Structures are given as C-alpha cells and as structure tokens.
C-alpha cells in the first residue's frame, strides 16, 4: 500500500514541518484533486498518465505546492522506499 498525505491534512494537523524534517528526502508524486491530474516535472503542467508525472523529493514538492489552498486538493503520493 502506498503512503498518501494531503497538503491540507498536514497543514491542519500542524505536522507539515515534522513530515518535512523526517521525510523530506522521500520521493513523491503530486496529485491535483482539482484537475484530477498529476503534476509534471518542475511544476510544468499536468498529466493523467502517471508515467509522465514528475517525481519530487517531499521537501521540493512542498516548496512547489505548499502555497496551494485546500480547494486545490493537493496530495502527495510517496514512492516505495528502495530496498537495502
């Protein structure tokens, strides 16, 4: 099962800073619930094809999308951690 967290949920619970500290280098994809699409790399548009979605560190994803209001329904989908 993949880990998914919403920007609004992290902000409303006051845990965004903690998550950035603990999971800032984990890789994620950014989902826009408003557009029902993935963010492309470098925040350059949207795609419905997950293979074309940008992959960001969680910290960078928050830098790109942290300003979005809850109406945008931003969600971070964490990629599985690599096996040792």
PDB file of N, CA and C in Angstrom:
ATOM      1  N   UNK A   1       0.844  -1.180   0.000  1.00  0.00           N
ATOM      2  CA  UNK A   1       0.000   0.000   0.000  1.00  0.00           C
ATOM      3  C   UNK A   1       0.889   1.244   0.000  1.00  0.00           C
ATOM      4  N   UNK A   2       0.568   2.198  -0.855  1.00  0.00           N
ATOM      5  CA  UNK A   2       1.399   3.395  -0.921  1.00  0.00           C
ATOM      6  C   UNK A   2       0.933   4.425   0.106  1.00  0.00           C
ATOM      7  N   UNK A   3       1.863   5.205   0.549  1.00  0.00           N
ATOM      8  CA  UNK A   3       1.605   6.256   1.521  1.00  0.00           C
ATOM      9  C   UNK A   3       1.135   7.498   0.787  1.00  0.00           C
ATOM     10  N   UNK A   4       0.012   8.063   1.244  1.00  0.00           N
ATOM     11  CA  UNK A   4      -0.566   9.255   0.630  1.00  0.00           C
ATOM     12  C   UNK A   4      -0.936  10.222   1.739  1.00  0.00           C
ATOM     13  N   UNK A   5      -0.544  11.481   1.572  1.00  0.00           N
ATOM     14  CA  UNK A   5      -0.895  12.518   2.531  1.00  0.00           C
ATOM     15  C   UNK A   5      -1.353  13.749   1.760  1.00  0.00           C
ATOM     16  N   UNK A   6      -2.379  14.417   2.286  1.00  0.00           N
ATOM     17  CA  UNK A   6      -2.845  15.647   1.649  1.00  0.00           C
ATOM     18  C   UNK A   6      -2.151  16.841   2.270  1.00  0.00           C
ATOM     19  N   UNK A   7      -1.937  17.854   1.465  1.00  0.00           N
ATOM     20  CA  UNK A   7      -1.345  19.096   1.958  1.00  0.00           C
ATOM     21  C   UNK A   7      -2.246  19.706   3.023  1.00  0.00           C
ATOM     22  N   UNK A   8      -3.545  19.743   2.763  1.00  0.00           N
ATOM     23  CA  UNK A   8      -4.489  20.331   3.712  1.00  0.00           C
ATOM     24  C   UNK A   8      -4.454  19.584   5.054  1.00  0.00           C
ATOM     25  N   UNK A   9      -4.417  18.264   4.995  1.00  0.00           N
ATOM     26  CA  UNK A   9      -4.367  17.468   6.222  1.00  0.00           C
ATOM     27  C   UNK A   9      -3.113  17.719   7.022  1.00  0.00           C
ATOM     28  N   UNK A  10      -1.978  17.790   6.357  1.00  0.00           N
ATOM     29  CA  UNK A  10      -0.717  18.048   7.051  1.00  0.00           C
ATOM     30  C   UNK A  10      -0.700  19.444   7.669  1.00  0.00           C
ATOM     31  N   UNK A  11      -1.259  20.416   6.939  1.00  0.00           N
ATOM     32  CA  UNK A  11      -1.315  21.780   7.480  1.00  0.00           C
ATOM     33  C   UNK A  11      -2.286  21.870   8.651  1.00  0.00           C
ATOM     34  N   UNK A  12      -3.463  21.275   8.511  1.00  0.00           N
ATOM     35  CA  UNK A  12      -4.486  21.405   9.550  1.00  0.00           C
ATOM     36  C   UNK A  12      -4.082  20.691  10.839  1.00  0.00           C
ATOM     37  N   UNK A  13      -3.292  19.640  10.733  1.00  0.00           N
ATOM     38  CA  UNK A  13      -2.826  18.922  11.922  1.00  0.00           C
ATOM     39  C   UNK A  13      -1.535  19.512  12.480  1.00  0.00           C
ATOM     40  N   UNK A  14      -0.968  20.492  11.776  1.00  0.00           N
ATOM     41  CA  UNK A  14       0.270  21.110  12.233  1.00  0.00           C
ATOM     42  C   UNK A  14       1.478  20.200  12.137  1.00  0.00           C
ATOM     43  N   UNK A  15       1.428  19.219  11.231  1.00  0.00           N
ATOM     44  CA  UNK A  15       2.516  18.245  11.134  1.00  0.00           C
ATOM     45  C   UNK A  15       3.384  18.409   9.889  1.00  0.00           C
ATOM     46  N   UNK A  16       3.130  19.439   9.094  1.00  0.00           N
ATOM     47  CA  UNK A  16       3.882  19.607   7.847  1.00  0.00           C
ATOM     48  C   UNK A  16       5.380  19.754   8.116  1.00  0.00           C
ATOM     49  N   UNK A  17       5.766  20.585   9.060  1.00  0.00           N
ATOM     50  CA  UNK A  17       7.195  20.785   9.355  1.00  0.00           C
ATOM     51  C   UNK A  17       7.840  19.490   9.833  1.00  0.00           C
ATOM     52  N   UNK A  18       7.138  18.746  10.664  1.00  0.00           N
ATOM     53  CA  UNK A  18       7.662  17.471  11.165  1.00  0.00           C
ATOM     54  C   UNK A  18       7.868  16.491  10.013  1.00  0.00           C
ATOM     55  N   UNK A  19       6.871  16.389   9.130  1.00  0.00           N
ATOM     56  CA  UNK A  19       6.991  15.494   7.986  1.00  0.00           C
ATOM     57  C   UNK A  19       8.149  15.903   7.088  1.00  0.00           C
ATOM     58  N   UNK A  20       8.336  17.211   6.900  1.00  0.00           N
ATOM     59  CA  UNK A  20       9.446  17.665   6.051  1.00  0.00           C
ATOM     60  C   UNK A  20      10.776  17.290   6.679  1.00  0.00           C
ATOM     61  N   UNK A  21      10.882  17.402   7.991  1.00  0.00           N
ATOM     62  CA  UNK A  21      12.120  17.046   8.686  1.00  0.00           C
ATOM     63  C   UNK A  21      12.381  15.547   8.585  1.00  0.00           C
ATOM     64  N   UNK A  22      11.349  14.756   8.843  1.00  0.00           N
ATOM     65  CA  UNK A  22      11.521  13.300   8.891  1.00  0.00           C
ATOM     66  C   UNK A  22      11.515  12.630   7.522  1.00  0.00           C
ATOM     67  N   UNK A  23      10.786  13.209   6.561  1.00  0.00           N
ATOM     68  CA  UNK A  23      10.604  12.532   5.270  1.00  0.00           C
ATOM     69  C   UNK A  23      10.946  13.431   4.082  1.00  0.00           C
ATOM     70  N   UNK A  24      11.676  14.472   4.319  1.00  0.00           N
ATOM     71  CA  UNK A  24      11.956  15.463   3.284  1.00  0.00           C
ATOM     72  C   UNK A  24      12.626  14.941   2.037  1.00  0.00           C
ATOM     73  N   UNK A  25      13.402  13.869   2.162  1.00  0.00           N
ATOM     74  CA  UNK A  25      14.119  13.333   1.001  1.00  0.00           C
ATOM     75  C   UNK A  25      13.399  12.155   0.345  1.00  0.00           C
ATOM     76  N   UNK A  26      12.268  11.741   0.908  1.00  0.00           N
ATOM     77  CA  UNK A  26      11.463  10.682   0.274  1.00  0.00           C
ATOM     78  C   UNK A  26      10.918  11.198  -1.047  1.00  0.00           C
ATOM     79  N   UNK A  27      10.768  10.318  -2.006  1.00  0.00           N
ATOM     80  CA  UNK A  27      10.274  10.692  -3.327  1.00  0.00           C
ATOM     81  C   UNK A  27       8.755  10.581  -3.387  1.00  0.00           C
ATOM     82  N   UNK A  28       8.153  11.576  -4.044  1.00  0.00           N
ATOM     83  CA  UNK A  28       6.694  11.630  -4.165  1.00  0.00           C
ATOM     84  C   UNK A  28       6.288  12.091  -5.555  1.00  0.00           C
ATOM     85  N   UNK A  29       5.032  11.827  -5.861  1.00  0.00           N
ATOM     86  CA  UNK A  29       4.352  12.450  -6.994  1.00  0.00           C
ATOM     87  C   UNK A  29       3.299  13.373  -6.400  1.00  0.00           C
ATOM     88  N   UNK A  30       2.964  14.445  -7.112  1.00  0.00           N
ATOM     89  CA  UNK A  30       1.973  15.404  -6.637  1.00  0.00           C
ATOM     90  C   UNK A  30       0.695  15.233  -7.437  1.00  0.00           C
ATOM     91  N   UNK A  31      -0.418  15.061  -6.726  1.00  0.00           N
ATOM     92  CA  UNK A  31      -1.740  14.897  -7.340  1.00  0.00           C
ATOM     93  C   UNK A  31      -2.558  16.161  -7.122  1.00  0.00           C
ATOM     94  N   UNK A  32      -3.189  16.644  -8.172  1.00  0.00           N
ATOM     95  CA  UNK A  32      -4.124  17.757  -8.075  1.00  0.00           C
ATOM     96  C   UNK A  32      -5.537  17.207  -8.139  1.00  0.00           C
ATOM     97  N   UNK A  33      -6.235  17.229  -7.011  1.00  0.00           N
ATOM     98  CA  UNK A  33      -7.615  16.785  -6.996  1.00  0.00           C
ATOM     99  C   UNK A  33      -8.511  17.718  -7.785  1.00  0.00           C
ATOM    100  N   UNK A  34      -8.131  18.992  -7.838  1.00  0.00           N
ATOM    101  CA  UNK A  34      -8.913  19.969  -8.603  1.00  0.00           C
ATOM    102  C   UNK A  34      -8.966  19.585 -10.079  1.00  0.00           C
ATOM    103  N   UNK A  35      -7.833  19.203 -10.643  1.00  0.00           N
ATOM    104  CA  UNK A  35      -7.749  18.873 -12.070  1.00  0.00           C
ATOM    105  C   UNK A  35      -7.787  17.376 -12.337  1.00  0.00           C
ATOM    106  N   UNK A  36      -7.739  16.568 -11.269  1.00  0.00           N
ATOM    107  CA  UNK A  36      -7.704  15.109 -11.412  1.00  0.00           C
ATOM    108  C   UNK A  36      -6.540  14.680 -12.298  1.00  0.00           C
ATOM    109  N   UNK A  37      -5.378  15.282 -12.006  1.00  0.00           N
ATOM    110  CA  UNK A  37      -4.165  15.023 -12.783  1.00  0.00           C
ATOM    111  C   UNK A  37      -2.942  15.061 -11.877  1.00  0.00           C
ATOM    112  N   UNK A  38      -1.875  14.478 -12.382  1.00  0.00           N
ATOM    113  CA  UNK A  38      -0.569  14.546 -11.735  1.00  0.00           C
ATOM    114  C   UNK A  38       0.157  15.806 -12.189  1.00  0.00           C
ATOM    115  N   UNK A  39       0.987  16.352 -11.328  1.00  0.00           N
ATOM    116  CA  UNK A  39       1.871  17.449 -11.735  1.00  0.00           C
ATOM    117  C   UNK A  39       3.014  16.856 -12.547  1.00  0.00           C
ATOM    118  N   UNK A  40       3.392  17.544 -13.607  1.00  0.00           N
ATOM    119  CA  UNK A  40       4.574  17.145 -14.381  1.00  0.00           C
ATOM    120  C   UNK A  40       5.839  17.629 -13.667  1.00  0.00           C
ATOM    121  N   UNK A  41       6.980  17.232 -14.169  1.00  0.00           N
ATOM    122  CA  UNK A  41       8.260  17.648 -13.594  1.00  0.00           C
ATOM    123  C   UNK A  41       8.377  19.172 -13.578  1.00  0.00           C
ATOM    124  N   UNK A  42       9.000  19.686 -12.556  1.00  0.00           N
ATOM    125  CA  UNK A  42       9.245  21.120 -12.378  1.00  0.00           C
ATOM    126  C   UNK A  42       7.958  21.943 -12.352  1.00  0.00           C
ATOM    127  N   UNK A  43       6.845  21.317 -12.040  1.00  0.00           N
ATOM    128  CA  UNK A  43       5.576  22.040 -11.969  1.00  0.00           C
ATOM    129  C   UNK A  43       5.098  22.551 -13.312  1.00  0.00           C
ATOM    130  N   UNK A  44       5.535  21.891 -14.392  1.00  0.00           N
ATOM    131  CA  UNK A  44       5.206  22.347 -15.747  1.00  0.00           C
ATOM    132  C   UNK A  44       3.998  21.608 -16.306  1.00  0.00           C
ATOM    133  N   UNK A  45       2.830  21.981 -15.846  1.00  0.00           N
ATOM    134  CA  UNK A  45       1.601  21.409 -16.376  1.00  0.00           C
ATOM    135  C   UNK A  45       1.165  20.149 -15.660  1.00  0.00           C
ATOM    136  N   UNK A  46       0.152  19.522 -16.237  1.00  0.00           N
ATOM    137  CA  UNK A  46      -0.491  18.356 -15.640  1.00  0.00           C
ATOM    138  C   UNK A  46      -0.554  17.212 -16.649  1.00  0.00           C
ATOM    139  N   UNK A  47      -0.726  16.007 -16.118  1.00  0.00           N
ATOM    140  CA  UNK A  47      -0.892  14.827 -16.960  1.00  0.00           C
ATOM    141  C   UNK A  47      -1.782  13.815 -16.251  1.00  0.00           C
ATOM    142  N   UNK A  48      -2.538  13.078 -17.023  1.00  0.00           N
ATOM    143  CA  UNK A  48      -3.322  11.983 -16.453  1.00  0.00           C
ATOM    144  C   UNK A  48      -2.520  10.683 -16.447  1.00  0.00           C
ATOM    145  N   UNK A  49      -1.375  10.685 -17.107  1.00  0.00           N
ATOM    146  CA  UNK A  49      -0.524   9.494 -17.213  1.00  0.00           C
ATOM    147  C   UNK A  49       0.522   9.521 -16.096  1.00  0.00           C
ATOM    148  N   UNK A  50       0.403   8.600 -15.158  1.00  0.00           N
ATOM    149  CA  UNK A  50       1.328   8.569 -14.024  1.00  0.00           C
ATOM    150  C   UNK A  50       2.781   8.408 -14.490  1.00  0.00           C
ATOM    151  N   UNK A  51       3.008   7.772 -15.627  1.00  0.00           N
ATOM    152  CA  UNK A  51       4.370   7.608 -16.151  1.00  0.00           C
ATOM    153  C   UNK A  51       4.989   8.952 -16.553  1.00  0.00           C
ATOM    154  N   UNK A  52       4.154   9.940 -16.838  1.00  0.00           N
ATOM    155  CA  UNK A  52       4.641  11.274 -17.207  1.00  0.00           C
ATOM    156  C   UNK A  52       4.684  12.230 -16.024  1.00  0.00           C
ATOM    157  N   UNK A  53       4.253  11.766 -14.860  1.00  0.00           N
ATOM    158  CA  UNK A  53       4.238  12.620 -13.668  1.00  0.00           C
ATOM    159  C   UNK A  53       5.658  12.900 -13.194  1.00  0.00           C
ATOM    160  N   UNK A  54       5.851  14.102 -12.676  1.00  0.00           N
ATOM    161  CA  UNK A  54       7.144  14.451 -12.099  1.00  0.00           C
ATOM    162  C   UNK A  54       7.367  13.704 -10.802  1.00  0.00           C
ATOM    163  N   UNK A  55       8.607  13.445 -10.497  1.00  0.00           N
ATOM    164  CA  UNK A  55       8.977  12.837  -9.225  1.00  0.00           C
ATOM    165  C   UNK A  55       9.821  13.857  -8.481  1.00  0.00           C
ATOM    166  N   UNK A  56       9.391  14.172  -7.278  1.00  0.00           N
ATOM    167  CA  UNK A  56       9.993  15.220  -6.456  1.00  0.00           C
ATOM    168  C   UNK A  56      10.416  14.630  -5.113  1.00  0.00           C
ATOM    169  N   UNK A  57      11.392  15.255  -4.460  1.00  0.00           N
ATOM    170  CA  UNK A  57      11.566  14.939  -3.048  1.00  0.00           C
ATOM    171  C   UNK A  57      10.369  15.566  -2.346  1.00  0.00           C
ATOM    172  N   UNK A  58       9.982  15.027  -1.222  1.00  0.00           N
ATOM    173  CA  UNK A  58       8.847  15.583  -0.489  1.00  0.00           C
ATOM    174  C   UNK A  58       9.096  17.059  -0.184  1.00  0.00           C
ATOM    175  N   UNK A  59      10.316  17.393   0.206  1.00  0.00           N
ATOM    176  CA  UNK A  59      10.647  18.780   0.511  1.00  0.00           C
ATOM    177  C   UNK A  59      10.429  19.688  -0.704  1.00  0.00           C
ATOM    178  N   UNK A  60      10.894  19.267  -1.874  1.00  0.00           N
ATOM    179  CA  UNK A  60      10.694  20.065  -3.091  1.00  0.00           C
ATOM    180  C   UNK A  60       9.214  20.136  -3.474  1.00  0.00           C
ATOM    181  N   UNK A  61       8.493  19.045  -3.283  1.00  0.00           N
ATOM    182  CA  UNK A  61       7.060  19.042  -3.597  1.00  0.00           C
ATOM    183  C   UNK A  61       6.334  20.086  -2.767  1.00  0.00           C
ATOM    184  N   UNK A  62       6.681  20.178  -1.496  1.00  0.00           N
ATOM    185  CA  UNK A  62       6.055  21.180  -0.627  1.00  0.00           C
ATOM    186  C   UNK A  62       6.474  22.591  -1.060  1.00  0.00           C
ATOM    187  N   UNK A  63       7.722  22.751  -1.481  1.00  0.00           N
ATOM    188  CA  UNK A  63       8.168  24.071  -1.967  1.00  0.00           C
ATOM    189  C   UNK A  63       7.358  24.499  -3.188  1.00  0.00           C
ATOM    190  N   UNK A  64       7.092  23.559  -4.091  1.00  0.00           N
ATOM    191  CA  UNK A  64       6.322  23.870  -5.302  1.00  0.00           C
ATOM    192  C   UNK A  64       4.843  24.096  -5.006  1.00  0.00           C
ATOM    193  N   UNK A  65       4.261  23.298  -4.122  1.00  0.00           N
ATOM    194  CA  UNK A  65       2.805  23.290  -3.971  1.00  0.00           C
ATOM    195  C   UNK A  65       2.291  23.762  -2.616  1.00  0.00           C
ATOM    196  N   UNK A  66       3.178  24.064  -1.701  1.00  0.00           N
ATOM    197  CA  UNK A  66       2.771  24.420  -0.340  1.00  0.00           C
ATOM    198  C   UNK A  66       1.907  25.660  -0.241  1.00  0.00           C
ATOM    199  N   UNK A  67       1.927  26.495  -1.260  1.00  0.00           N
ATOM    200  CA  UNK A  67       1.126  27.716  -1.260  1.00  0.00           C
ATOM    201  C   UNK A  67      -0.330  27.456  -1.646  1.00  0.00           C
ATOM    202  N   UNK A  68      -0.615  26.278  -2.177  1.00  0.00           N
ATOM    203  CA  UNK A  68      -1.955  25.984  -2.694  1.00  0.00           C
ATOM    204  C   UNK A  68      -2.995  25.926  -1.579  1.00  0.00           C
ATOM    205  N   UNK A  69      -4.173  26.431  -1.872  1.00  0.00           N
ATOM    206  CA  UNK A  69      -5.269  26.380  -0.910  1.00  0.00           C
ATOM    207  C   UNK A  69      -5.881  24.984  -0.899  1.00  0.00           C
ATOM    208  N   UNK A  70      -6.707  24.714   0.106  1.00  0.00           N
ATOM    209  CA  UNK A  70      -7.291  23.378   0.225  1.00  0.00           C
ATOM    210  C   UNK A  70      -8.223  23.033  -0.937  1.00  0.00           C
ATOM    211  N   UNK A  71      -8.728  24.040  -1.644  1.00  0.00           N
ATOM    212  CA  UNK A  71      -9.592  23.785  -2.802  1.00  0.00           C
ATOM    213  C   UNK A  71      -8.856  23.056  -3.927  1.00  0.00           C
ATOM    214  N   UNK A  72      -7.542  23.175  -3.950  1.00  0.00           N
ATOM    215  CA  UNK A  72      -6.739  22.508  -4.986  1.00  0.00           C
ATOM    216  C   UNK A  72      -6.614  21.006  -4.734  1.00  0.00           C
ATOM    217  N   UNK A  73      -6.904  20.591  -3.491  1.00  0.00           N
ATOM    218  CA  UNK A  73      -6.874  19.175  -3.123  1.00  0.00           C
ATOM    219  C   UNK A  73      -5.547  18.510  -3.476  1.00  0.00           C
ATOM    220  N   UNK A  74      -4.451  19.149  -3.082  1.00  0.00           N
ATOM    221  CA  UNK A  74      -3.114  18.617  -3.349  1.00  0.00           C
ATOM    222  C   UNK A  74      -2.855  17.413  -2.449  1.00  0.00           C
ATOM    223  N   UNK A  75      -2.357  16.348  -3.051  1.00  0.00           N
ATOM    224  CA  UNK A  75      -1.986  15.146  -2.303  1.00  0.00           C
ATOM    225  C   UNK A  75      -0.605  14.696  -2.754  1.00  0.00           C
ATOM    226  N   UNK A  76       0.155  14.175  -1.806  1.00  0.00           N
ATOM    227  CA  UNK A  76       1.488  13.657  -2.082  1.00  0.00           C
ATOM    228  C   UNK A  76       1.417  12.130  -2.012  1.00  0.00           C
ATOM    229  N   UNK A  77       1.824  11.494  -3.076  1.00  0.00           N
ATOM    230  CA  UNK A  77       1.858  10.029  -3.145  1.00  0.00           C
ATOM    231  C   UNK A  77       3.322   9.610  -3.048  1.00  0.00           C
ATOM    232  N   UNK A  78       3.677   9.013  -1.924  1.00  0.00           N
ATOM    233  CA  UNK A  78       5.051   8.601  -1.679  1.00  0.00           C
ATOM    234  C   UNK A  78       5.383   7.347  -2.464  1.00  0.00           C
ATOM    235  N   UNK A  79       6.535   7.353  -3.103  1.00  0.00           N
ATOM    236  CA  UNK A  79       7.005   6.174  -3.808  1.00  0.00           C
ATOM    237  C   UNK A  79       7.561   5.204  -2.782  1.00  0.00           C
ATOM    238  N   UNK A  80       7.539   3.908  -3.079  1.00  0.00           N
ATOM    239  CA  UNK A  80       8.108   2.938  -2.128  1.00  0.00           C
ATOM    240  C   UNK A  80       9.580   3.239  -1.895  1.00  0.00           C
ATOM    241  N   UNK A  81       9.992   3.029  -0.659  1.00  0.00           N
ATOM    242  CA  UNK A  81      11.420   3.218  -0.350  1.00  0.00           C
ATOM    243  C   UNK A  81      12.210   2.073  -0.971  1.00  0.00           C
ATOM    244  N   UNK A  82      13.408   2.401  -1.472  1.00  0.00           N
ATOM    245  CA  UNK A  82      14.224   1.331  -2.066  1.00  0.00           C
ATOM    246  C   UNK A  82      14.627   0.311  -1.009  1.00  0.00           C
ATOM    247  N   UNK A  83      14.720  -0.922  -1.426  1.00  0.00           N
ATOM    248  CA  UNK A  83      15.165  -1.982  -0.511  1.00  0.00           C
ATOM    249  C   UNK A  83      16.651  -1.835  -0.260  1.00  0.00           C
ATOM    250  N   UNK A  84      17.097  -2.183   0.950  1.00  0.00           N
ATOM    251  CA  UNK A  84      18.546  -2.076   1.250  1.00  0.00           C
ATOM    252  C   UNK A  84      19.386  -3.048   0.469  1.00  0.00           C
TER     253      UNK A  84
END
